Structure formats: structure tokens, C-alpha cells
Amino acid sequence: MTTRVMLISPAFSRALREARFEDGGPLEASGLARARSAAAGLPAADRSLTSPTVRCRETAEAFGGEPRVVAELAGLDVGRWRGRALAEVSEAEPDAVGAWLTDPGSAPHGGESVRELCARAGTWLDGAFAEGGRTLAVVEPEIVRALVLRALGAPESAFWRIDVAPLTATELSGRAGRWNVGVGRPL
């Protein structure tokens, strides 16, 4: 039996628009409206999941139903950089940002490394494969990146080379331990 996982990135929030690290803020009104209008185009799913962030939960709720919050699908913990603008952090800590963007094991912010995130997300994907059926999950862009790397067997060093636009779907389908990836479908 084929397992299908549709990963949907959240709609626009102020932090996303301002290129700030996730700050727990809600969706912008326009983002919420776009999420509601996209709901009709989503396929039926056996389960609806969401990352714990407010913007993911609000996006998932805009699609209808009651999605289950899954801690393993939380976005990258950026520690003390949370809520700060990337430009501000880059100016104040250029070496730290450089290391973070080039070394998947680096976590100069005191949070989680890309390597740790990829391992956590990959463990979740292995469980989704075993569960089977169709899963719809609204997740942070970094979870999409991590799961695409896992599905393709790509190195963690490619993490930052995957762009994930708001309100797009990335579809993983697999059978017998092998995943196929469909990326960037707009909703």
C-alpha cells in the first residue's frame, strides 16, 4: 500500500514577511483568508496534523476540522535568536550565522542544530510510513526541507538550498521504504 504525506507550509505571518525567526505570532489577515480559500482544493486525508506553532495551527484550522498537534513536527529551535530579524542577527553575529548556514551540526543560537532537526523529522517520517494512508500536515518550512532531504537521501548540507514558499504543498509518496517527492504545488 502507498503512503502519502502532503506537507503544507503555513500562510503569511508578520515574522515571515519581515524575515524574522519564528516568534509565535498569528497569521496576517490576508494569510488567513488565503488559507481558507485554499481549503476546498485539499484532498481528503486519513489524518490531519500540524506543527505546534501558532501560524501552523491557524493555517491547519483554516482548512477545517481539528488537526492534531505533533511535537515532533515543531520547527527548528533557534534559541536566543527567536523573534529576531535575520539581518539583525547577521550583523551582530556574522560568524555564528555563517557557521549555522554552512555546518548542519552547528547551533550557535543555543537551540537545535539542523542535523538534530533532520533526525527528529526523519524519525517522524519513518513512523508515518509505517502508519500508511494519507496524512495532511501543516508544518514549518524547515520541516519540509528536512523531510525532503530524508525522502531523497540527500545530505544535510543541502538543507538551506530548498526554498519553501508559503501555502505550498510538498507531497511525499512511498511504498516499500522508497519515497517520491512532488514539490511546490501552490494551493
C-alpha atoms as a PDB file:
ATOM      1  CA  MET A   1       0.000   0.000   0.000  1.00  0.00           C
ATOM      2  CA  THR A   2       1.218   3.503  -0.813  1.00  0.00           C
ATOM      3  CA  THR A   3       1.723   6.005   1.991  1.00  0.00           C
ATOM      4  CA  ARG A   4       1.052   9.642   1.114  1.00  0.00           C
ATOM      5  CA  VAL A   5       2.147  12.643   3.152  1.00  0.00           C
ATOM      6  CA  MET A   6       1.150  16.127   1.999  1.00  0.00           C
ATOM      7  CA  LEU A   7       3.228  18.792   3.742  1.00  0.00           C
ATOM      8  CA  ILE A   8       1.765  22.286   3.600  1.00  0.00           C
ATOM      9  CA  SER A   9       3.740  25.348   4.605  1.00  0.00           C
ATOM     10  CA  PRO A  10       1.863  27.926   6.691  1.00  0.00           C
ATOM     11  CA  ALA A  11       0.301  31.099   5.341  1.00  0.00           C
ATOM     12  CA  PHE A  12       1.943  34.503   5.804  1.00  0.00           C
ATOM     13  CA  SER A  13       2.621  35.825   9.268  1.00  0.00           C
ATOM     14  CA  ARG A  14       4.288  39.082  10.191  1.00  0.00           C
ATOM     15  CA  ALA A  15       7.517  37.280  11.175  1.00  0.00           C
ATOM     16  CA  LEU A  16       7.684  35.561   7.808  1.00  0.00           C
ATOM     17  CA  ARG A  17       7.054  38.777   5.897  1.00  0.00           C
ATOM     18  CA  GLU A  18       9.711  40.632   7.938  1.00  0.00           C
ATOM     19  CA  ALA A  19      12.323  37.824   7.632  1.00  0.00           C
ATOM     20  CA  ARG A  20      12.367  37.269  11.380  1.00  0.00           C
ATOM     21  CA  PHE A  21      12.836  33.985  13.163  1.00  0.00           C
ATOM     22  CA  GLU A  22       9.540  32.481  14.310  1.00  0.00           C
ATOM     23  CA  ASP A  23       8.124  34.482  17.201  1.00  0.00           C
ATOM     24  CA  GLY A  24       4.845  32.729  17.988  1.00  0.00           C
ATOM     25  CA  GLY A  25       2.752  35.392  16.279  1.00  0.00           C
ATOM     26  CA  PRO A  26      -0.508  34.760  14.436  1.00  0.00           C
ATOM     27  CA  LEU A  27      -1.182  34.754  10.716  1.00  0.00           C
ATOM     28  CA  GLU A  28      -1.787  38.022   8.932  1.00  0.00           C
ATOM     29  CA  ALA A  29      -5.442  38.545   7.970  1.00  0.00           C
ATOM     30  CA  SER A  30      -4.577  38.140   4.283  1.00  0.00           C
ATOM     31  CA  GLY A  31      -2.737  34.882   5.003  1.00  0.00           C
ATOM     32  CA  LEU A  32      -5.690  33.507   6.936  1.00  0.00           C
ATOM     33  CA  ALA A  33      -8.049  34.437   4.088  1.00  0.00           C
ATOM     34  CA  ARG A  34      -5.784  32.695   1.545  1.00  0.00           C
ATOM     35  CA  ALA A  35      -5.636  29.580   3.719  1.00  0.00           C
ATOM     36  CA  ARG A  36      -9.429  29.466   3.975  1.00  0.00           C
ATOM     37  CA  SER A  37      -9.810  29.817   0.217  1.00  0.00           C
ATOM     38  CA  ALA A  38      -7.271  27.028  -0.382  1.00  0.00           C
ATOM     39  CA  ALA A  39      -9.163  24.538   1.797  1.00  0.00           C
ATOM     40  CA  ALA A  40     -11.511  23.396  -0.972  1.00  0.00           C
ATOM     41  CA  GLY A  41      -8.595  22.179  -3.102  1.00  0.00           C
ATOM     42  CA  LEU A  42      -7.117  19.867  -0.475  1.00  0.00           C
ATOM     43  CA  PRO A  43      -7.512  16.100  -0.798  1.00  0.00           C
ATOM     44  CA  ALA A  44      -9.292  14.041   1.830  1.00  0.00           C
ATOM     45  CA  ALA A  45      -6.877  12.622   4.406  1.00  0.00           C
ATOM     46  CA  ASP A  46      -6.890   9.875   6.999  1.00  0.00           C
ATOM     47  CA  ARG A  47      -5.264  12.249   9.464  1.00  0.00           C
ATOM     48  CA  SER A  48      -4.691  15.978   9.763  1.00  0.00           C
ATOM     49  CA  LEU A  49      -1.625  17.125  11.699  1.00  0.00           C
ATOM     50  CA  THR A  50       0.100  20.388  12.473  1.00  0.00           C
ATOM     51  CA  SER A  51       3.311  21.777  13.895  1.00  0.00           C
ATOM     52  CA  PRO A  52       2.771  23.382  17.309  1.00  0.00           C
ATOM     53  CA  THR A  53       3.408  26.982  16.140  1.00  0.00           C
ATOM     54  CA  VAL A  54       0.518  29.412  16.078  1.00  0.00           C
ATOM     55  CA  ARG A  55       0.883  30.107  12.357  1.00  0.00           C
ATOM     56  CA  CYS A  56       0.778  26.383  11.501  1.00  0.00           C
ATOM     57  CA  ARG A  57      -2.173  25.703  13.807  1.00  0.00           C
ATOM     58  CA  GLU A  58      -4.119  28.673  12.410  1.00  0.00           C
ATOM     59  CA  THR A  59      -3.405  27.570   8.836  1.00  0.00           C
ATOM     60  CA  ALA A  60      -4.496  23.993   9.600  1.00  0.00           C
ATOM     61  CA  GLU A  61      -7.640  25.176  11.381  1.00  0.00           C
ATOM     62  CA  ALA A  62      -8.497  27.392   8.396  1.00  0.00           C
ATOM     63  CA  PHE A  63      -8.620  24.195   6.319  1.00  0.00           C
ATOM     64  CA  GLY A  64     -11.377  22.863   8.601  1.00  0.00           C
ATOM     65  CA  GLY A  65     -11.535  20.055  11.108  1.00  0.00           C
ATOM     66  CA  GLU A  66      -9.427  19.649  14.202  1.00  0.00           C
ATOM     67  CA  PRO A  67      -5.800  18.890  13.345  1.00  0.00           C
ATOM     68  CA  ARG A  68      -3.693  17.047  15.899  1.00  0.00           C
ATOM     69  CA  VAL A  69      -0.637  18.968  17.130  1.00  0.00           C
ATOM     70  CA  VAL A  70       2.522  16.858  16.787  1.00  0.00           C
ATOM     71  CA  ALA A  71       5.547  17.946  18.820  1.00  0.00           C
ATOM     72  CA  GLU A  72       7.980  16.076  16.524  1.00  0.00           C
ATOM     73  CA  LEU A  73       6.897  18.407  13.707  1.00  0.00           C
ATOM     74  CA  ALA A  74       7.921  21.555  15.596  1.00  0.00           C
ATOM     75  CA  GLY A  75      10.074  23.988  13.655  1.00  0.00           C
ATOM     76  CA  LEU A  76      13.784  24.457  14.275  1.00  0.00           C
ATOM     77  CA  ASP A  77      14.503  25.715  17.793  1.00  0.00           C
ATOM     78  CA  VAL A  78      16.658  28.788  17.171  1.00  0.00           C
ATOM     79  CA  GLY A  79      17.212  29.505  20.853  1.00  0.00           C
ATOM     80  CA  ARG A  80      18.103  33.104  21.634  1.00  0.00           C
ATOM     81  CA  TRP A  81      17.526  34.182  18.009  1.00  0.00           C
ATOM     82  CA  ARG A  82      13.795  33.565  18.305  1.00  0.00           C
ATOM     83  CA  GLY A  83      11.798  36.577  17.089  1.00  0.00           C
ATOM     84  CA  ARG A  84      14.870  38.485  15.893  1.00  0.00           C
ATOM     85  CA  ALA A  85      15.361  39.618  12.300  1.00  0.00           C
ATOM     86  CA  LEU A  86      17.867  37.587  10.305  1.00  0.00           C
ATOM     87  CA  ALA A  87      19.532  40.825   9.157  1.00  0.00           C
ATOM     88  CA  GLU A  88      19.950  41.952  12.778  1.00  0.00           C
ATOM     89  CA  VAL A  89      21.461  38.642  13.865  1.00  0.00           C
ATOM     90  CA  SER A  90      23.711  38.551  10.778  1.00  0.00           C
ATOM     91  CA  GLU A  91      25.056  41.988  11.608  1.00  0.00           C
ATOM     92  CA  ALA A  92      25.588  41.261  15.303  1.00  0.00           C
ATOM     93  CA  GLU A  93      26.910  37.689  14.919  1.00  0.00           C
ATOM     94  CA  PRO A  94      28.189  37.197  11.353  1.00  0.00           C
ATOM     95  CA  ASP A  95      30.480  34.275  12.218  1.00  0.00           C
ATOM     96  CA  ALA A  96      27.725  32.498  14.127  1.00  0.00           C
ATOM     97  CA  VAL A  97      25.233  32.897  11.275  1.00  0.00           C
ATOM     98  CA  GLY A  98      27.868  31.777   8.778  1.00  0.00           C
ATOM     99  CA  ALA A  99      28.570  28.630  10.791  1.00  0.00           C
ATOM    100  CA  TRP A 100      24.852  27.939  11.219  1.00  0.00           C
ATOM    101  CA  LEU A 101      24.221  28.203   7.469  1.00  0.00           C
ATOM    102  CA  THR A 102      27.183  26.022   6.445  1.00  0.00           C
ATOM    103  CA  ASP A 103      27.586  23.424   9.215  1.00  0.00           C
ATOM    104  CA  PRO A 104      24.485  21.260   9.836  1.00  0.00           C
ATOM    105  CA  GLY A 105      25.843  20.351  13.290  1.00  0.00           C
ATOM    106  CA  SER A 106      26.183  23.975  14.392  1.00  0.00           C
ATOM    107  CA  ALA A 107      23.756  25.590  16.861  1.00  0.00           C
ATOM    108  CA  PRO A 108      25.354  28.901  17.878  1.00  0.00           C
ATOM    109  CA  HIS A 109      21.956  30.230  18.960  1.00  0.00           C
ATOM    110  CA  GLY A 110      21.805  27.696  21.777  1.00  0.00           C
ATOM    111  CA  GLY A 111      18.887  25.823  20.263  1.00  0.00           C
ATOM    112  CA  GLU A 112      18.765  22.884  17.886  1.00  0.00           C
ATOM    113  CA  SER A 113      21.109  22.147  15.005  1.00  0.00           C
ATOM    114  CA  VAL A 114      19.886  21.367  11.504  1.00  0.00           C
ATOM    115  CA  ARG A 115      21.272  17.853  11.989  1.00  0.00           C
ATOM    116  CA  GLU A 116      19.168  17.365  15.126  1.00  0.00           C
ATOM    117  CA  LEU A 117      16.074  18.707  13.365  1.00  0.00           C
ATOM    118  CA  CYS A 118      16.622  16.381  10.399  1.00  0.00           C
ATOM    119  CA  ALA A 119      16.975  13.369  12.708  1.00  0.00           C
ATOM    120  CA  ARG A 120      13.801  14.277  14.618  1.00  0.00           C
ATOM    121  CA  ALA A 121      11.774  14.866  11.458  1.00  0.00           C
ATOM    122  CA  GLY A 122      13.168  11.724   9.825  1.00  0.00           C
ATOM    123  CA  THR A 123      12.088   9.594  12.772  1.00  0.00           C
ATOM    124  CA  TRP A 124       8.589  11.031  12.434  1.00  0.00           C
ATOM    125  CA  LEU A 125       8.551  10.245   8.683  1.00  0.00           C
ATOM    126  CA  ASP A 126       9.567   6.644   9.345  1.00  0.00           C
ATOM    127  CA  GLY A 127       6.550   6.350  11.640  1.00  0.00           C
ATOM    128  CA  ALA A 128       4.255   7.935   9.049  1.00  0.00           C
ATOM    129  CA  PHE A 129       5.421   5.386   6.509  1.00  0.00           C
ATOM    130  CA  ALA A 130       4.574   2.559   8.887  1.00  0.00           C
ATOM    131  CA  GLU A 131       1.160   4.105   9.612  1.00  0.00           C
ATOM    132  CA  GLY A 132       0.192   4.198   5.923  1.00  0.00           C
ATOM    133  CA  GLY A 133      -2.739   6.010   4.335  1.00  0.00           C
ATOM    134  CA  ARG A 134      -2.874   9.726   3.595  1.00  0.00           C
ATOM    135  CA  THR A 135      -1.590  12.360   6.007  1.00  0.00           C
ATOM    136  CA  LEU A 136      -2.057  16.100   5.616  1.00  0.00           C
ATOM    137  CA  ALA A 137       0.389  18.078   7.785  1.00  0.00           C
ATOM    138  CA  VAL A 138       0.784  21.842   8.080  1.00  0.00           C
ATOM    139  CA  VAL A 139       4.427  22.295   9.043  1.00  0.00           C
ATOM    140  CA  GLU A 140       7.128  24.921   9.212  1.00  0.00           C
ATOM    141  CA  PRO A 141       9.325  25.308   6.084  1.00  0.00           C
ATOM    142  CA  GLU A 142      12.316  23.783   7.845  1.00  0.00           C
ATOM    143  CA  ILE A 143      10.329  20.580   8.479  1.00  0.00           C
ATOM    144  CA  VAL A 144       9.520  20.432   4.763  1.00  0.00           C
ATOM    145  CA  ARG A 145      13.242  20.824   3.996  1.00  0.00           C
ATOM    146  CA  ALA A 146      14.235  18.119   6.470  1.00  0.00           C
ATOM    147  CA  LEU A 147      11.646  15.650   5.164  1.00  0.00           C
ATOM    148  CA  VAL A 148      12.557  16.249   1.522  1.00  0.00           C
ATOM    149  CA  LEU A 149      16.207  15.553   2.374  1.00  0.00           C
ATOM    150  CA  ARG A 150      15.197  12.335   4.152  1.00  0.00           C
ATOM    151  CA  ALA A 151      12.937  11.205   1.320  1.00  0.00           C
ATOM    152  CA  LEU A 152      15.653  11.781  -1.286  1.00  0.00           C
ATOM    153  CA  GLY A 153      18.538  10.535   0.827  1.00  0.00           C
ATOM    154  CA  ALA A 154      20.184  13.936   0.289  1.00  0.00           C
ATOM    155  CA  PRO A 155      22.875  15.289   2.622  1.00  0.00           C
ATOM    156  CA  GLU A 156      22.032  17.726   5.413  1.00  0.00           C
ATOM    157  CA  SER A 157      24.375  20.224   3.752  1.00  0.00           C
ATOM    158  CA  ALA A 158      21.615  20.763   1.137  1.00  0.00           C
ATOM    159  CA  PHE A 159      19.104  21.911   3.785  1.00  0.00           C
ATOM    160  CA  TRP A 160      19.329  25.646   3.046  1.00  0.00           C
ATOM    161  CA  ARG A 161      19.185  25.070  -0.729  1.00  0.00           C
ATOM    162  CA  ILE A 162      15.494  24.161  -0.606  1.00  0.00           C
ATOM    163  CA  ASP A 163      13.103  27.109  -0.783  1.00  0.00           C
ATOM    164  CA  VAL A 164       9.624  26.613   0.634  1.00  0.00           C
ATOM    165  CA  ALA A 165       7.069  29.293  -0.221  1.00  0.00           C
ATOM    166  CA  PRO A 166       4.050  29.995   1.992  1.00  0.00           C
ATOM    167  CA  LEU A 167       0.922  27.937   1.336  1.00  0.00           C
ATOM    168  CA  THR A 168       2.540  25.417  -0.966  1.00  0.00           C
ATOM    169  CA  ALA A 169       2.251  21.656  -0.860  1.00  0.00           C
ATOM    170  CA  THR A 170       5.088  19.172  -0.966  1.00  0.00           C
ATOM    171  CA  GLU A 171       3.910  15.624  -1.486  1.00  0.00           C
ATOM    172  CA  LEU A 172       5.753  12.524  -0.377  1.00  0.00           C
ATOM    173  CA  SER A 173       4.514   9.158  -1.552  1.00  0.00           C
ATOM    174  CA  GLY A 174       6.151   5.884  -0.779  1.00  0.00           C
ATOM    175  CA  ARG A 175       5.985   2.151  -0.866  1.00  0.00           C
ATOM    176  CA  ALA A 176       8.470  -0.474   0.306  1.00  0.00           C
ATOM    177  CA  GLY A 177      10.721   2.087   2.019  1.00  0.00           C
ATOM    178  CA  ARG A 178      11.178   4.316  -1.045  1.00  0.00           C
ATOM    179  CA  TRP A 179       9.801   7.862  -1.248  1.00  0.00           C
ATOM    180  CA  ASN A 180       8.940  10.006  -4.249  1.00  0.00           C
ATOM    181  CA  VAL A 181       8.729  13.785  -3.893  1.00  0.00           C
ATOM    182  CA  GLY A 182       6.410  16.304  -5.550  1.00  0.00           C
ATOM    183  CA  VAL A 183       7.372  19.875  -4.610  1.00  0.00           C
ATOM    184  CA  GLY A 184       5.990  23.379  -4.519  1.00  0.00           C
ATOM    185  CA  ARG A 185       2.405  22.899  -5.668  1.00  0.00           C
ATOM    186  CA  PRO A 186       0.589  26.152  -4.889  1.00  0.00           C
ATOM    187  CA  LEU A 187      -2.680  25.820  -3.006  1.00  0.00           C
END
